[in-house]
Amino acid sequence: MVTKFRIHEAHAAREFGMACQRIIPWQGAAQEPPVGAMACFLDGGASSAPDCHDQDEVMIIMSGYGSVTLAGETDTFEPGDVVVLPRNQEHVVHNPGEDQLTWVSLYWPLHEPAAGGAA
């Protein structure tokens, strides 16, 4: 059976200072998926809230132009770029333009490891 849904801001909730839509429906044998994914929508002139987590993250830029500040270093990106954010590094996404910036973030593990290394 094919599962289909549309990535759209109307399906998003406010998280991390922007609109985010969780996008992995799970029908696997395990109770939860091995990764998380969300579509992110950042308005023109806005920045995300600072975020730092014990998960690796990959951003796939879909539309708009922006930059990310990671551990004090800033780099720009454009549609088609893939941005890798290593775990435990504070990051903020910036949209200096007028148009909405959109990307899909994949992150793993699904939940941050518990203190002491247990997942």
PDB file of N, CA and C in Angstrom:
ATOM      1  N   MET A   1       0.846  -1.180   0.000  1.00  0.00           N
ATOM      2  CA  MET A   1       0.000   0.000   0.000  1.00  0.00           C
ATOM      3  C   MET A   1       0.893   1.246   0.000  1.00  0.00           C
ATOM      4  N   VAL A   2       0.580   2.173  -0.848  1.00  0.00           N
ATOM      5  CA  VAL A   2       1.308   3.433  -0.930  1.00  0.00           C
ATOM      6  C   VAL A   2       0.714   4.412   0.076  1.00  0.00           C
ATOM      7  N   THR A   3       1.573   5.028   0.865  1.00  0.00           N
ATOM      8  CA  THR A   3       1.156   6.096   1.764  1.00  0.00           C
ATOM      9  C   THR A   3       1.634   7.399   1.161  1.00  0.00           C
ATOM     10  N   LYS A   4       0.735   8.347   1.039  1.00  0.00           N
ATOM     11  CA  LYS A   4       1.083   9.617   0.405  1.00  0.00           C
ATOM     12  C   LYS A   4       0.470  10.757   1.206  1.00  0.00           C
ATOM     13  N   PHE A   5       1.258  11.812   1.400  1.00  0.00           N
ATOM     14  CA  PHE A   5       0.759  13.028   2.021  1.00  0.00           C
ATOM     15  C   PHE A   5       1.580  14.178   1.487  1.00  0.00           C
ATOM     16  N   ARG A   6       1.138  15.376   1.703  1.00  0.00           N
ATOM     17  CA  ARG A   6       1.806  16.553   1.156  1.00  0.00           C
ATOM     18  C   ARG A   6       2.565  17.291   2.248  1.00  0.00           C
ATOM     19  N   ILE A   7       3.805  17.670   1.917  1.00  0.00           N
ATOM     20  CA  ILE A   7       4.569  18.551   2.791  1.00  0.00           C
ATOM     21  C   ILE A   7       4.043  19.954   2.561  1.00  0.00           C
ATOM     22  N   HIS A   8       3.514  20.553   3.624  1.00  0.00           N
ATOM     23  CA  HIS A   8       2.940  21.896   3.504  1.00  0.00           C
ATOM     24  C   HIS A   8       2.875  22.531   4.887  1.00  0.00           C
ATOM     25  N   GLU A   9       3.131  23.815   4.934  1.00  0.00           N
ATOM     26  CA  GLU A   9       3.129  24.538   6.205  1.00  0.00           C
ATOM     27  C   GLU A   9       1.799  24.412   6.949  1.00  0.00           C
ATOM     28  N   ALA A  10       0.712  24.211   6.234  1.00  0.00           N
ATOM     29  CA  ALA A  10      -0.597  24.068   6.889  1.00  0.00           C
ATOM     30  C   ALA A  10      -0.640  22.842   7.803  1.00  0.00           C
ATOM     31  N   HIS A  11       0.247  21.876   7.579  1.00  0.00           N
ATOM     32  CA  HIS A  11       0.297  20.656   8.386  1.00  0.00           C
ATOM     33  C   HIS A  11       1.371  20.732   9.471  1.00  0.00           C
ATOM     34  N   ALA A  12       1.969  21.896   9.641  1.00  0.00           N
ATOM     35  CA  ALA A  12       3.096  22.063  10.563  1.00  0.00           C
ATOM     36  C   ALA A  12       2.646  22.634  11.908  1.00  0.00           C
ATOM     37  N   ALA A  13       3.476  22.419  12.906  1.00  0.00           N
ATOM     38  CA  ALA A  13       3.268  22.974  14.252  1.00  0.00           C
ATOM     39  C   ALA A  13       4.454  23.875  14.575  1.00  0.00           C
ATOM     40  N   ARG A  14       4.255  24.834  15.468  1.00  0.00           N
ATOM     41  CA  ARG A  14       5.356  25.728  15.878  1.00  0.00           C
ATOM     42  C   ARG A  14       6.307  24.970  16.800  1.00  0.00           C
ATOM     43  N   GLU A  15       7.556  24.874  16.364  1.00  0.00           N
ATOM     44  CA  GLU A  15       8.637  24.267  17.144  1.00  0.00           C
ATOM     45  C   GLU A  15       9.926  24.983  16.777  1.00  0.00           C
ATOM     46  N   PHE A  16      10.825  25.123  17.700  1.00  0.00           N
ATOM     47  CA  PHE A  16      12.170  25.644  17.431  1.00  0.00           C
ATOM     48  C   PHE A  16      12.146  27.030  16.782  1.00  0.00           C
ATOM     49  N   GLY A  17      11.115  27.819  17.035  1.00  0.00           N
ATOM     50  CA  GLY A  17      11.023  29.168  16.489  1.00  0.00           C
ATOM     51  C   GLY A  17      10.599  29.222  15.030  1.00  0.00           C
ATOM     52  N   MET A  18       9.986  28.147  14.523  1.00  0.00           N
ATOM     53  CA  MET A  18       9.538  28.088  13.131  1.00  0.00           C
ATOM     54  C   MET A  18       8.421  27.054  13.029  1.00  0.00           C
ATOM     55  N   ALA A  19       7.933  26.825  11.829  1.00  0.00           N
ATOM     56  CA  ALA A  19       6.911  25.803  11.610  1.00  0.00           C
ATOM     57  C   ALA A  19       7.597  24.510  11.182  1.00  0.00           C
ATOM     58  N   CYS A  20       7.214  23.382  11.804  1.00  0.00           N
ATOM     59  CA  CYS A  20       7.822  22.084  11.508  1.00  0.00           C
ATOM     60  C   CYS A  20       6.733  21.028  11.329  1.00  0.00           C
ATOM     61  N   GLN A  21       6.884  20.212  10.300  1.00  0.00           N
ATOM     62  CA  GLN A  21       5.949  19.124  10.020  1.00  0.00           C
ATOM     63  C   GLN A  21       6.686  17.798  10.108  1.00  0.00           C
ATOM     64  N   ARG A  22       6.317  16.953  11.060  1.00  0.00           N
ATOM     65  CA  ARG A  22       6.910  15.609  11.172  1.00  0.00           C
ATOM     66  C   ARG A  22       6.429  14.799   9.965  1.00  0.00           C
ATOM     67  N   ILE A  23       7.352  14.091   9.298  1.00  0.00           N
ATOM     68  CA  ILE A  23       6.970  13.504   8.010  1.00  0.00           C
ATOM     69  C   ILE A  23       7.249  12.011   7.843  1.00  0.00           C
ATOM     70  N   ILE A  24       7.583  11.274   8.880  1.00  0.00           N
ATOM     71  CA  ILE A  24       7.789   9.834   8.694  1.00  0.00           C
ATOM     72  C   ILE A  24       6.655   9.054   9.359  1.00  0.00           C
ATOM     73  N   PRO A  25       5.710   8.567   8.539  1.00  0.00           N
ATOM     74  CA  PRO A  25       4.733   7.624   9.090  1.00  0.00           C
ATOM     75  C   PRO A  25       5.432   6.271   9.211  1.00  0.00           C
ATOM     76  N   TRP A  26       5.183   5.539  10.262  1.00  0.00           N
ATOM     77  CA  TRP A  26       5.949   4.335  10.510  1.00  0.00           C
ATOM     78  C   TRP A  26       5.059   3.117  10.535  1.00  0.00           C
ATOM     79  N   GLN A  27       5.419   2.122   9.714  1.00  0.00           N
ATOM     80  CA  GLN A  27       4.680   0.857   9.698  1.00  0.00           C
ATOM     81  C   GLN A  27       5.636  -0.323   9.805  1.00  0.00           C
ATOM     82  N   GLY A  28       6.835  -0.076  10.299  1.00  0.00           N
ATOM     83  CA  GLY A  28       7.844  -1.120  10.414  1.00  0.00           C
ATOM     84  C   GLY A  28       7.571  -2.048  11.584  1.00  0.00           C
ATOM     85  N   ALA A  29       8.386  -3.084  11.670  1.00  0.00           N
ATOM     86  CA  ALA A  29       8.232  -4.062  12.747  1.00  0.00           C
ATOM     87  C   ALA A  29       8.602  -3.461  14.100  1.00  0.00           C
ATOM     88  N   ALA A  30       9.565  -2.555  14.110  1.00  0.00           N
ATOM     89  CA  ALA A  30       9.955  -1.915  15.370  1.00  0.00           C
ATOM     90  C   ALA A  30       8.866  -0.929  15.794  1.00  0.00           C
ATOM     91  N   GLN A  31       8.878  -0.593  17.065  1.00  0.00           N
ATOM     92  CA  GLN A  31       7.859   0.305  17.589  1.00  0.00           C
ATOM     93  C   GLN A  31       7.979   1.716  17.019  1.00  0.00           C
ATOM     94  N   GLU A  32       9.205   2.155  16.707  1.00  0.00           N
ATOM     95  CA  GLU A  32       9.430   3.500  16.180  1.00  0.00           C
ATOM     96  C   GLU A  32      10.435   3.437  15.049  1.00  0.00           C
ATOM     97  N   PRO A  33      10.447   4.463  14.197  1.00  0.00           N
ATOM     98  CA  PRO A  33      11.427   4.484  13.109  1.00  0.00           C
ATOM     99  C   PRO A  33      12.841   4.725  13.639  1.00  0.00           C
ATOM    100  N   PRO A  34      13.862   4.328  12.868  1.00  0.00           N
ATOM    101  CA  PRO A  34      15.241   4.523  13.310  1.00  0.00           C
ATOM    102  C   PRO A  34      15.720   5.969  13.172  1.00  0.00           C
ATOM    103  N   VAL A  35      15.025   6.771  12.384  1.00  0.00           N
ATOM    104  CA  VAL A  35      15.378   8.179  12.180  1.00  0.00           C
ATOM    105  C   VAL A  35      14.129   9.034  12.303  1.00  0.00           C
ATOM    106  N   GLY A  36      14.346  10.315  12.501  1.00  0.00           N
ATOM    107  CA  GLY A  36      13.259  11.272  12.466  1.00  0.00           C
ATOM    108  C   GLY A  36      13.428  12.155  11.242  1.00  0.00           C
ATOM    109  N   ALA A  37      12.344  12.724  10.781  1.00  0.00           N
ATOM    110  CA  ALA A  37      12.399  13.654   9.654  1.00  0.00           C
ATOM    111  C   ALA A  37      11.297  14.678   9.829  1.00  0.00           C
ATOM    112  N   MET A  38      11.636  15.901   9.463  1.00  0.00           N
ATOM    113  CA  MET A  38      10.619  16.951   9.502  1.00  0.00           C
ATOM    114  C   MET A  38      10.908  17.976   8.416  1.00  0.00           C
ATOM    115  N   ALA A  39       9.825  18.521   7.884  1.00  0.00           N
ATOM    116  CA  ALA A  39       9.926  19.635   6.952  1.00  0.00           C
ATOM    117  C   ALA A  39       9.889  20.903   7.789  1.00  0.00           C
ATOM    118  N   CYS A  40      10.749  21.851   7.454  1.00  0.00           N
ATOM    119  CA  CYS A  40      10.857  23.091   8.224  1.00  0.00           C
ATOM    120  C   CYS A  40      10.553  24.279   7.328  1.00  0.00           C
ATOM    121  N   PHE A  41       9.837  25.246   7.869  1.00  0.00           N
ATOM    122  CA  PHE A  41       9.404  26.435   7.151  1.00  0.00           C
ATOM    123  C   PHE A  41       9.804  27.653   7.976  1.00  0.00           C
ATOM    124  N   LEU A  42      10.713  28.466   7.457  1.00  0.00           N
ATOM    125  CA  LEU A  42      11.209  29.627   8.184  1.00  0.00           C
ATOM    126  C   LEU A  42      10.890  30.882   7.381  1.00  0.00           C
ATOM    127  N   ASP A  43      10.117  31.780   7.974  1.00  0.00           N
ATOM    128  CA  ASP A  43       9.692  33.002   7.298  1.00  0.00           C
ATOM    129  C   ASP A  43      10.874  33.903   6.969  1.00  0.00           C
ATOM    130  N   GLY A  44      10.679  34.739   5.960  1.00  0.00           N
ATOM    131  CA  GLY A  44      11.687  35.711   5.573  1.00  0.00           C
ATOM    132  C   GLY A  44      12.046  36.625   6.732  1.00  0.00           C
ATOM    133  N   GLY A  45      13.327  36.920   6.872  1.00  0.00           N
ATOM    134  CA  GLY A  45      13.803  37.805   7.921  1.00  0.00           C
ATOM    135  C   GLY A  45      13.874  37.178   9.297  1.00  0.00           C
ATOM    136  N   ALA A  46      13.575  35.888   9.407  1.00  0.00           N
ATOM    137  CA  ALA A  46      13.532  35.225  10.714  1.00  0.00           C
ATOM    138  C   ALA A  46      14.734  34.305  10.903  1.00  0.00           C
ATOM    139  N   SER A  47      14.936  33.910  12.153  1.00  0.00           N
ATOM    140  CA  SER A  47      15.942  32.914  12.515  1.00  0.00           C
ATOM    141  C   SER A  47      15.285  31.869  13.407  1.00  0.00           C
ATOM    142  N   SER A  48      15.764  30.645  13.326  1.00  0.00           N
ATOM    143  CA  SER A  48      15.261  29.592  14.212  1.00  0.00           C
ATOM    144  C   SER A  48      15.757  29.862  15.631  1.00  0.00           C
ATOM    145  N   ALA A  49      15.152  29.192  16.580  1.00  0.00           N
ATOM    146  CA  ALA A  49      15.651  29.244  17.951  1.00  0.00           C
ATOM    147  C   ALA A  49      16.966  28.460  18.005  1.00  0.00           C
ATOM    148  N   PRO A  50      17.905  28.852  18.863  1.00  0.00           N
ATOM    149  CA  PRO A  50      19.132  28.060  19.017  1.00  0.00           C
ATOM    150  C   PRO A  50      18.776  26.628  19.430  1.00  0.00           C
ATOM    151  N   ASP A  51      19.460  25.666  18.854  1.00  0.00           N
ATOM    152  CA  ASP A  51      19.173  24.259  19.133  1.00  0.00           C
ATOM    153  C   ASP A  51      20.486  23.497  19.292  1.00  0.00           C
ATOM    154  N   CYS A  52      20.503  22.560  20.209  1.00  0.00           N
ATOM    155  CA  CYS A  52      21.666  21.714  20.434  1.00  0.00           C
ATOM    156  C   CYS A  52      21.136  20.367  20.920  1.00  0.00           C
ATOM    157  N   HIS A  53      21.510  19.284  20.239  1.00  0.00           N
ATOM    158  CA  HIS A  53      20.987  17.967  20.592  1.00  0.00           C
ATOM    159  C   HIS A  53      22.036  16.890  20.327  1.00  0.00           C
ATOM    160  N   ASP A  54      21.874  15.775  21.007  1.00  0.00           N
ATOM    161  CA  ASP A  54      22.794  14.644  20.880  1.00  0.00           C
ATOM    162  C   ASP A  54      22.306  13.715  19.771  1.00  0.00           C
ATOM    163  N   GLN A  55      22.092  14.309  18.592  1.00  0.00           N
ATOM    164  CA  GLN A  55      21.671  13.592  17.397  1.00  0.00           C
ATOM    165  C   GLN A  55      22.375  14.236  16.213  1.00  0.00           C
ATOM    166  N   ASP A  56      22.776  13.436  15.235  1.00  0.00           N
ATOM    167  CA  ASP A  56      23.290  13.973  13.986  1.00  0.00           C
ATOM    168  C   ASP A  56      22.104  14.451  13.168  1.00  0.00           C
ATOM    169  N   GLU A  57      22.332  15.459  12.305  1.00  0.00           N
ATOM    170  CA  GLU A  57      21.239  16.022  11.512  1.00  0.00           C
ATOM    171  C   GLU A  57      21.750  16.390  10.126  1.00  0.00           C
ATOM    172  N   VAL A  58      20.915  16.145   9.142  1.00  0.00           N
ATOM    173  CA  VAL A  58      21.194  16.546   7.765  1.00  0.00           C
ATOM    174  C   VAL A  58      20.016  17.383   7.290  1.00  0.00           C
ATOM    175  N   MET A  59      20.330  18.573   6.788  1.00  0.00           N
ATOM    176  CA  MET A  59      19.312  19.474   6.218  1.00  0.00           C
ATOM    177  C   MET A  59      19.395  19.392   4.698  1.00  0.00           C
ATOM    178  N   ILE A  60      18.273  19.155   4.029  1.00  0.00           N
ATOM    179  CA  ILE A  60      18.202  19.170   2.566  1.00  0.00           C
ATOM    180  C   ILE A  60      17.407  20.410   2.191  1.00  0.00           C
ATOM    181  N   ILE A  61      18.082  21.397   1.604  1.00  0.00           N
ATOM    182  CA  ILE A  61      17.461  22.692   1.322  1.00  0.00           C
ATOM    183  C   ILE A  61      16.560  22.561   0.099  1.00  0.00           C
ATOM    184  N   MET A  62      15.284  22.911   0.272  1.00  0.00           N
ATOM    185  CA  MET A  62      14.297  22.776  -0.795  1.00  0.00           C
ATOM    186  C   MET A  62      14.048  24.094  -1.531  1.00  0.00           C
ATOM    187  N   SER A  63      13.890  25.188  -0.787  1.00  0.00           N
ATOM    188  CA  SER A  63      13.632  26.482  -1.427  1.00  0.00           C
ATOM    189  C   SER A  63      14.109  27.603  -0.519  1.00  0.00           C
ATOM    190  N   GLY A  64      14.415  28.736  -1.138  1.00  0.00           N
ATOM    191  CA  GLY A  64      14.907  29.883  -0.392  1.00  0.00           C
ATOM    192  C   GLY A  64      16.419  29.809  -0.206  1.00  0.00           C
ATOM    193  N   TYR A  65      16.950  30.847   0.357  1.00  0.00           N
ATOM    194  CA  TYR A  65      18.387  30.962   0.590  1.00  0.00           C
ATOM    195  C   TYR A  65      18.582  31.357   2.041  1.00  0.00           C
ATOM    196  N   GLY A  66      19.664  30.910   2.634  1.00  0.00           N
ATOM    197  CA  GLY A  66      19.891  31.263   4.023  1.00  0.00           C
ATOM    198  C   GLY A  66      21.287  30.911   4.474  1.00  0.00           C
ATOM    199  N   SER A  67      21.419  30.842   5.794  1.00  0.00           N
ATOM    200  CA  SER A  67      22.698  30.475   6.387  1.00  0.00           C
ATOM    201  C   SER A  67      22.441  29.743   7.687  1.00  0.00           C
ATOM    202  N   VAL A  68      23.460  29.053   8.131  1.00  0.00           N
ATOM    203  CA  VAL A  68      23.397  28.383   9.422  1.00  0.00           C
ATOM    204  C   VAL A  68      24.643  28.778  10.195  1.00  0.00           C
ATOM    205  N   THR A  69      24.432  29.097  11.469  1.00  0.00           N
ATOM    206  CA  THR A  69      25.544  29.344  12.378  1.00  0.00           C
ATOM    207  C   THR A  69      25.672  28.104  13.239  1.00  0.00           C
ATOM    208  N   LEU A  70      26.858  27.488  13.194  1.00  0.00           N
ATOM    209  CA  LEU A  70      27.127  26.247  13.906  1.00  0.00           C
ATOM    210  C   LEU A  70      28.374  26.457  14.741  1.00  0.00           C
ATOM    211  N   ALA A  71      28.207  26.391  16.052  1.00  0.00           N
ATOM    212  CA  ALA A  71      29.343  26.541  16.970  1.00  0.00           C
ATOM    213  C   ALA A  71      30.155  27.794  16.646  1.00  0.00           C
ATOM    214  N   GLY A  72      29.469  28.899  16.336  1.00  0.00           N
ATOM    215  CA  GLY A  72      30.132  30.181  16.101  1.00  0.00           C
ATOM    216  C   GLY A  72      30.573  30.437  14.676  1.00  0.00           C
ATOM    217  N   GLU A  73      30.462  29.459  13.779  1.00  0.00           N
ATOM    218  CA  GLU A  73      30.848  29.620  12.376  1.00  0.00           C
ATOM    219  C   GLU A  73      29.586  29.687  11.514  1.00  0.00           C
ATOM    220  N   THR A  74      29.535  30.627  10.564  1.00  0.00           N
ATOM    221  CA  THR A  74      28.359  30.790   9.707  1.00  0.00           C
ATOM    222  C   THR A  74      28.712  30.454   8.267  1.00  0.00           C
ATOM    223  N   ASP A  75      27.821  29.708   7.600  1.00  0.00           N
ATOM    224  CA  ASP A  75      27.990  29.375   6.190  1.00  0.00           C
ATOM    225  C   ASP A  75      26.637  29.491   5.506  1.00  0.00           C
ATOM    226  N   THR A  76      26.654  29.840   4.224  1.00  0.00           N
ATOM    227  CA  THR A  76      25.419  30.035   3.460  1.00  0.00           C
ATOM    228  C   THR A  76      25.031  28.753   2.728  1.00  0.00           C
ATOM    229  N   PHE A  77      23.765  28.700   2.305  1.00  0.00           N
ATOM    230  CA  PHE A  77      23.282  27.566   1.517  1.00  0.00           C
ATOM    231  C   PHE A  77      22.176  28.033   0.582  1.00  0.00           C
ATOM    232  N   GLU A  78      21.861  27.174  -0.396  1.00  0.00           N
ATOM    233  CA  GLU A  78      20.829  27.465  -1.394  1.00  0.00           C
ATOM    234  C   GLU A  78      20.106  26.173  -1.744  1.00  0.00           C
ATOM    235  N   PRO A  79      19.007  26.251  -2.497  1.00  0.00           N
ATOM    236  CA  PRO A  79      18.273  25.034  -2.849  1.00  0.00           C
ATOM    237  C   PRO A  79      19.176  23.989  -3.493  1.00  0.00           C
ATOM    238  N   GLY A  80      19.000  22.746  -3.076  1.00  0.00           N
ATOM    239  CA  GLY A  80      19.802  21.642  -3.568  1.00  0.00           C
ATOM    240  C   GLY A  80      20.991  21.320  -2.686  1.00  0.00           C
ATOM    241  N   ASP A  81      21.348  22.222  -1.777  1.00  0.00           N
ATOM    242  CA  ASP A  81      22.461  21.956  -0.863  1.00  0.00           C
ATOM    243  C   ASP A  81      22.028  20.983   0.237  1.00  0.00           C
ATOM    244  N   VAL A  82      22.985  20.205   0.697  1.00  0.00           N
ATOM    245  CA  VAL A  82      22.807  19.328   1.850  1.00  0.00           C
ATOM    246  C   VAL A  82      23.769  19.827   2.923  1.00  0.00           C
ATOM    247  N   VAL A  83      23.229  20.152   4.088  1.00  0.00           N
ATOM    248  CA  VAL A  83      24.015  20.719   5.186  1.00  0.00           C
ATOM    249  C   VAL A  83      24.066  19.686   6.313  1.00  0.00           C
ATOM    250  N   VAL A  84      25.268  19.343   6.748  1.00  0.00           N
ATOM    251  CA  VAL A  84      25.459  18.339   7.794  1.00  0.00           C
ATOM    252  C   VAL A  84      25.742  19.052   9.114  1.00  0.00           C
ATOM    253  N   LEU A  85      24.940  18.746  10.128  1.00  0.00           N
ATOM    254  CA  LEU A  85      25.094  19.332  11.460  1.00  0.00           C
ATOM    255  C   LEU A  85      25.474  18.224  12.445  1.00  0.00           C
ATOM    256  N   PRO A  86      26.712  18.219  12.916  1.00  0.00           N
ATOM    257  CA  PRO A  86      27.109  17.180  13.863  1.00  0.00           C
ATOM    258  C   PRO A  86      26.441  17.362  15.220  1.00  0.00           C
ATOM    259  N   ARG A  87      26.286  16.280  15.902  1.00  0.00           N
ATOM    260  CA  ARG A  87      25.627  16.300  17.223  1.00  0.00           C
ATOM    261  C   ARG A  87      26.385  17.173  18.215  1.00  0.00           C
ATOM    262  N   ASN A  88      25.646  17.649  19.188  1.00  0.00           N
ATOM    263  CA  ASN A  88      26.181  18.433  20.307  1.00  0.00           C
ATOM    264  C   ASN A  88      26.843  19.744  19.886  1.00  0.00           C
ATOM    265  N   GLN A  89      26.395  20.328  18.787  1.00  0.00           N
ATOM    266  CA  GLN A  89      26.883  21.630  18.322  1.00  0.00           C
ATOM    267  C   GLN A  89      25.677  22.567  18.196  1.00  0.00           C
ATOM    268  N   GLU A  90      25.672  23.656  18.949  1.00  0.00           N
ATOM    269  CA  GLU A  90      24.544  24.588  18.862  1.00  0.00           C
ATOM    270  C   GLU A  90      24.475  25.175  17.460  1.00  0.00           C
ATOM    271  N   HIS A  91      23.252  25.268  16.931  1.00  0.00           N
ATOM    272  CA  HIS A  91      23.061  25.803  15.594  1.00  0.00           C
ATOM    273  C   HIS A  91      21.795  26.650  15.521  1.00  0.00           C
ATOM    274  N   VAL A  92      21.862  27.646  14.628  1.00  0.00           N
ATOM    275  CA  VAL A  92      20.737  28.541  14.360  1.00  0.00           C
ATOM    276  C   VAL A  92      20.665  28.717  12.847  1.00  0.00           C
ATOM    277  N   VAL A  93      19.461  28.597  12.286  1.00  0.00           N
ATOM    278  CA  VAL A  93      19.256  28.803  10.855  1.00  0.00           C
ATOM    279  C   VAL A  93      18.704  30.205  10.657  1.00  0.00           C
ATOM    280  N   HIS A  94      19.251  30.916   9.674  1.00  0.00           N
ATOM    281  CA  HIS A  94      18.859  32.299   9.396  1.00  0.00           C
ATOM    282  C   HIS A  94      18.280  32.412   7.985  1.00  0.00           C
ATOM    283  N   ASN A  95      17.205  33.174   7.853  1.00  0.00           N
ATOM    284  CA  ASN A  95      16.625  33.467   6.546  1.00  0.00           C
ATOM    285  C   ASN A  95      16.658  34.976   6.354  1.00  0.00           C
ATOM    286  N   PRO A  96      17.696  35.520   5.704  1.00  0.00           N
ATOM    287  CA  PRO A  96      17.813  36.967   5.537  1.00  0.00           C
ATOM    288  C   PRO A  96      16.928  37.514   4.417  1.00  0.00           C
ATOM    289  N   GLY A  97      16.370  36.622   3.604  1.00  0.00           N
ATOM    290  CA  GLY A  97      15.567  37.058   2.461  1.00  0.00           C
ATOM    291  C   GLY A  97      14.123  37.363   2.824  1.00  0.00           C
ATOM    292  N   GLU A  98      13.348  37.668   1.801  1.00  0.00           N
ATOM    293  CA  GLU A  98      11.914  37.946   1.985  1.00  0.00           C
ATOM    294  C   GLU A  98      11.065  36.691   1.817  1.00  0.00           C
ATOM    295  N   ASP A  99      11.545  35.745   0.996  1.00  0.00           N
ATOM    296  CA  ASP A  99      10.787  34.525   0.721  1.00  0.00           C
ATOM    297  C   ASP A  99      11.012  33.497   1.818  1.00  0.00           C
ATOM    298  N   GLN A 100      10.050  32.611   1.960  1.00  0.00           N
ATOM    299  CA  GLN A 100      10.158  31.546   2.945  1.00  0.00           C
ATOM    300  C   GLN A 100      11.303  30.602   2.584  1.00  0.00           C
ATOM    301  N   LEU A 101      12.007  30.138   3.596  1.00  0.00           N
ATOM    302  CA  LEU A 101      13.064  29.152   3.466  1.00  0.00           C
ATOM    303  C   LEU A 101      12.477  27.812   3.902  1.00  0.00           C
ATOM    304  N   THR A 102      12.650  26.774   3.081  1.00  0.00           N
ATOM    305  CA  THR A 102      12.133  25.454   3.444  1.00  0.00           C
ATOM    306  C   THR A 102      13.229  24.412   3.284  1.00  0.00           C
ATOM    307  N   TRP A 103      13.223  23.447   4.189  1.00  0.00           N
ATOM    308  CA  TRP A 103      14.158  22.334   4.109  1.00  0.00           C
ATOM    309  C   TRP A 103      13.565  21.132   4.809  1.00  0.00           C
ATOM    310  N   VAL A 104      14.148  19.977   4.528  1.00  0.00           N
ATOM    311  CA  VAL A 104      13.797  18.740   5.215  1.00  0.00           C
ATOM    312  C   VAL A 104      14.999  18.350   6.054  1.00  0.00           C
ATOM    313  N   SER A 105      14.771  18.104   7.336  1.00  0.00           N
ATOM    314  CA  SER A 105      15.823  17.646   8.243  1.00  0.00           C
ATOM    315  C   SER A 105      15.618  16.179   8.562  1.00  0.00           C
ATOM    316  N   LEU A 106      16.688  15.411   8.441  1.00  0.00           N
ATOM    317  CA  LEU A 106      16.732  14.020   8.894  1.00  0.00           C
ATOM    318  C   LEU A 106      17.643  13.993  10.101  1.00  0.00           C
ATOM    319  N   TYR A 107      17.256  13.278  11.146  1.00  0.00           N
ATOM    320  CA  TYR A 107      18.081  13.229  12.349  1.00  0.00           C
ATOM    321  C   TYR A 107      18.019  11.835  12.957  1.00  0.00           C
ATOM    322  N   TRP A 108      19.124  11.444  13.564  1.00  0.00           N
ATOM    323  CA  TRP A 108      19.224  10.131  14.181  1.00  0.00           C
ATOM    324  C   TRP A 108      20.194  10.178  15.340  1.00  0.00           C
ATOM    325  N   PRO A 109      19.994   9.348  16.333  1.00  0.00           N
ATOM    326  CA  PRO A 109      18.848   8.467  16.525  1.00  0.00           C
ATOM    327  C   PRO A 109      17.562   9.279  16.718  1.00  0.00           C
ATOM    328  N   LEU A 110      16.435   8.587  16.677  1.00  0.00           N
ATOM    329  CA  LEU A 110      15.148   9.264  16.785  1.00  0.00           C
ATOM    330  C   LEU A 110      15.053  10.071  18.074  1.00  0.00           C
ATOM    331  N   HIS A 111      15.515   9.501  19.180  1.00  0.00           N
ATOM    332  CA  HIS A 111      15.510  10.187  20.466  1.00  0.00           C
ATOM    333  C   HIS A 111      16.947  10.391  20.927  1.00  0.00           C
ATOM    334  N   GLU A 112      17.178  11.469  21.623  1.00  0.00           N
ATOM    335  CA  GLU A 112      18.518  11.706  22.165  1.00  0.00           C
ATOM    336  C   GLU A 112      18.873  10.595  23.148  1.00  0.00           C
ATOM    337  N   PRO A 113      20.131  10.118  23.116  1.00  0.00           N
ATOM    338  CA  PRO A 113      20.538   9.099  24.081  1.00  0.00           C
ATOM    339  C   PRO A 113      20.378   9.592  25.517  1.00  0.00           C
ATOM    340  N   ALA A 114      19.972   8.699  26.385  1.00  0.00           N
ATOM    341  CA  ALA A 114      19.842   9.045  27.798  1.00  0.00           C
ATOM    342  C   ALA A 114      21.226   9.191  28.413  1.00  0.00           C
ATOM    343  N   ALA A 115      21.305   9.924  29.497  1.00  0.00           N
ATOM    344  CA  ALA A 115      22.585  10.094  30.204  1.00  0.00           C
ATOM    345  C   ALA A 115      23.145   8.721  30.536  1.00  0.00           C
ATOM    346  N   GLY A 116      24.427   8.539  30.318  1.00  0.00           N
ATOM    347  CA  GLY A 116      25.061   7.255  30.583  1.00  0.00           C
ATOM    348  C   GLY A 116      25.160   6.385  29.346  1.00  0.00           C
ATOM    349  N   GLY A 117      24.651   6.886  28.177  1.00  0.00           N
ATOM    350  CA  GLY A 117      24.819   6.161  26.921  1.00  0.00           C
ATOM    351  C   GLY A 117      23.677   5.257  26.526  1.00  0.00           C
ATOM    352  N   ALA A 118      22.688   5.035  27.374  1.00  0.00           N
ATOM    353  CA  ALA A 118      21.552   4.186  26.971  1.00  0.00           C
ATOM    354  C   ALA A 118      20.640   4.977  26.071  1.00  0.00           C
ATOM    355  N   ALA A 119      20.101   4.346  25.045  1.00  0.00           N
ATOM    356  CA  ALA A 119      19.197   5.037  24.104  1.00  0.00           C
ATOM    357  C   ALA A 119      17.764   4.919  24.546  1.00  0.00           C
TER     358      ALA A 119
END
